[in-house]
C-alpha atoms as a PDB file:
ATOM      1  CA  UNK A   1      63.075 140.366  19.291  1.00  0.00           C
ATOM      2  CA  UNK A   2      65.691 139.704  16.638  1.00  0.00           C
ATOM      3  CA  UNK A   3      64.756 138.877  13.095  1.00  0.00           C
ATOM      4  CA  UNK A   4      66.091 135.308  13.246  1.00  0.00           C
ATOM      5  CA  UNK A   5      64.227 134.568  16.491  1.00  0.00           C
ATOM      6  CA  UNK A   6      60.998 135.903  14.988  1.00  0.00           C
ATOM      7  CA  UNK A   7      61.528 133.776  11.860  1.00  0.00           C
ATOM      8  CA  UNK A   8      62.129 130.692  14.013  1.00  0.00           C
ATOM      9  CA  UNK A   9      58.904 131.278  15.974  1.00  0.00           C
ATOM     10  CA  UNK A  10      56.873 131.729  12.779  1.00  0.00           C
ATOM     11  CA  UNK A  11      58.300 128.594  11.153  1.00  0.00           C
ATOM     12  CA  UNK A  12      58.487 126.418  14.302  1.00  0.00           C
ATOM     13  CA  UNK A  13      55.822 124.005  12.975  1.00  0.00           C
ATOM     14  CA  UNK A  14      57.949 123.345   9.867  1.00  0.00           C
ATOM     15  CA  UNK A  15      61.349 122.993  11.575  1.00  0.00           C
ATOM     16  CA  UNK A  16      62.760 119.497  11.901  1.00  0.00           C
ATOM     17  CA  UNK A  17      65.219 118.141  14.420  1.00  0.00           C
ATOM     18  CA  UNK A  18      68.122 119.652  12.474  1.00  0.00           C
ATOM     19  CA  UNK A  19      66.640 123.181  12.642  1.00  0.00           C
ATOM     20  CA  UNK A  20      65.837 123.406   8.926  1.00  0.00           C
ATOM     21  CA  UNK A  21      62.448 123.642   7.216  1.00  0.00           C
ATOM     22  CA  UNK A  22      61.042 120.247   6.310  1.00  0.00           C
ATOM     23  CA  UNK A  23      57.894 119.412   4.389  1.00  0.00           C
ATOM     24  CA  UNK A  24      55.591 116.404   4.196  1.00  0.00           C
ATOM     25  CA  UNK A  25      56.634 113.491   1.934  1.00  0.00           C
ATOM     26  CA  UNK A  26      53.888 114.258  -0.585  1.00  0.00           C
ATOM     27  CA  UNK A  27      54.720 117.962  -0.622  1.00  0.00           C
ATOM     28  CA  UNK A  28      58.450 117.532  -1.230  1.00  0.00           C
ATOM     29  CA  UNK A  29      57.982 116.507  -4.848  1.00  0.00           C
ATOM     30  CA  UNK A  30      54.982 118.779  -5.476  1.00  0.00           C
ATOM     31  CA  UNK A  31      55.537 121.903  -7.582  1.00  0.00           C
ATOM     32  CA  UNK A  32      52.662 123.904  -6.037  1.00  0.00           C
ATOM     33  CA  UNK A  33      53.094 126.485  -3.271  1.00  0.00           C
ATOM     34  CA  UNK A  34      50.702 124.827  -0.806  1.00  0.00           C
ATOM     35  CA  UNK A  35      53.435 123.006   1.134  1.00  0.00           C
ATOM     36  CA  UNK A  36      52.505 121.349   4.428  1.00  0.00           C
ATOM     37  CA  UNK A  37      54.666 120.619   7.441  1.00  0.00           C
ATOM     38  CA  UNK A  38      56.225 117.256   8.169  1.00  0.00           C
ATOM     39  CA  UNK A  39      54.098 117.199  11.324  1.00  0.00           C
ATOM     40  CA  UNK A  40      50.799 117.572   9.435  1.00  0.00           C
ATOM     41  CA  UNK A  41      48.816 114.566   8.294  1.00  0.00           C
ATOM     42  CA  UNK A  42      47.666 115.137   4.731  1.00  0.00           C
ATOM     43  CA  UNK A  43      44.020 114.148   4.523  1.00  0.00           C
ATOM     44  CA  UNK A  44      43.259 115.672   1.152  1.00  0.00           C
ATOM     45  CA  UNK A  45      45.260 117.798  -1.240  1.00  0.00           C
ATOM     46  CA  UNK A  46      43.500 119.277  -4.272  1.00  0.00           C
ATOM     47  CA  UNK A  47      46.700 119.119  -6.316  1.00  0.00           C
ATOM     48  CA  UNK A  48      47.746 115.558  -5.425  1.00  0.00           C
ATOM     49  CA  UNK A  49      46.367 112.549  -7.249  1.00  0.00           C
ATOM     50  CA  UNK A  50      48.027 109.212  -6.643  1.00  0.00           C
ATOM     51  CA  UNK A  51      48.440 106.608  -9.333  1.00  0.00           C
ATOM     52  CA  UNK A  52      47.000 104.011  -7.002  1.00  0.00           C
ATOM     53  CA  UNK A  53      43.663 105.819  -6.701  1.00  0.00           C
ATOM     54  CA  UNK A  54      43.459 106.230 -10.482  1.00  0.00           C
ATOM     55  CA  UNK A  55      43.990 102.495 -10.932  1.00  0.00           C
ATOM     56  CA  UNK A  56      41.313 101.669  -8.375  1.00  0.00           C
ATOM     57  CA  UNK A  57      38.795 103.891 -10.129  1.00  0.00           C
ATOM     58  CA  UNK A  58      39.477 102.164 -13.456  1.00  0.00           C
ATOM     59  CA  UNK A  59      39.017  98.702 -11.958  1.00  0.00           C
ATOM     60  CA  UNK A  60      35.941  99.305  -9.928  1.00  0.00           C
END
């Protein structure tokens, strides 16, 4: 198995329709190394804290 084919099999969950690695919307702007695939649904990320949730905590 060639190196590029092996790489493609390992990263197949992260590859988009254009054949390049693509990450989740939240992970694109994140500086941490815990990137998640565009196909994954982010339920909870220990490094992500939205402004909306901070505002809700202050109000209620």
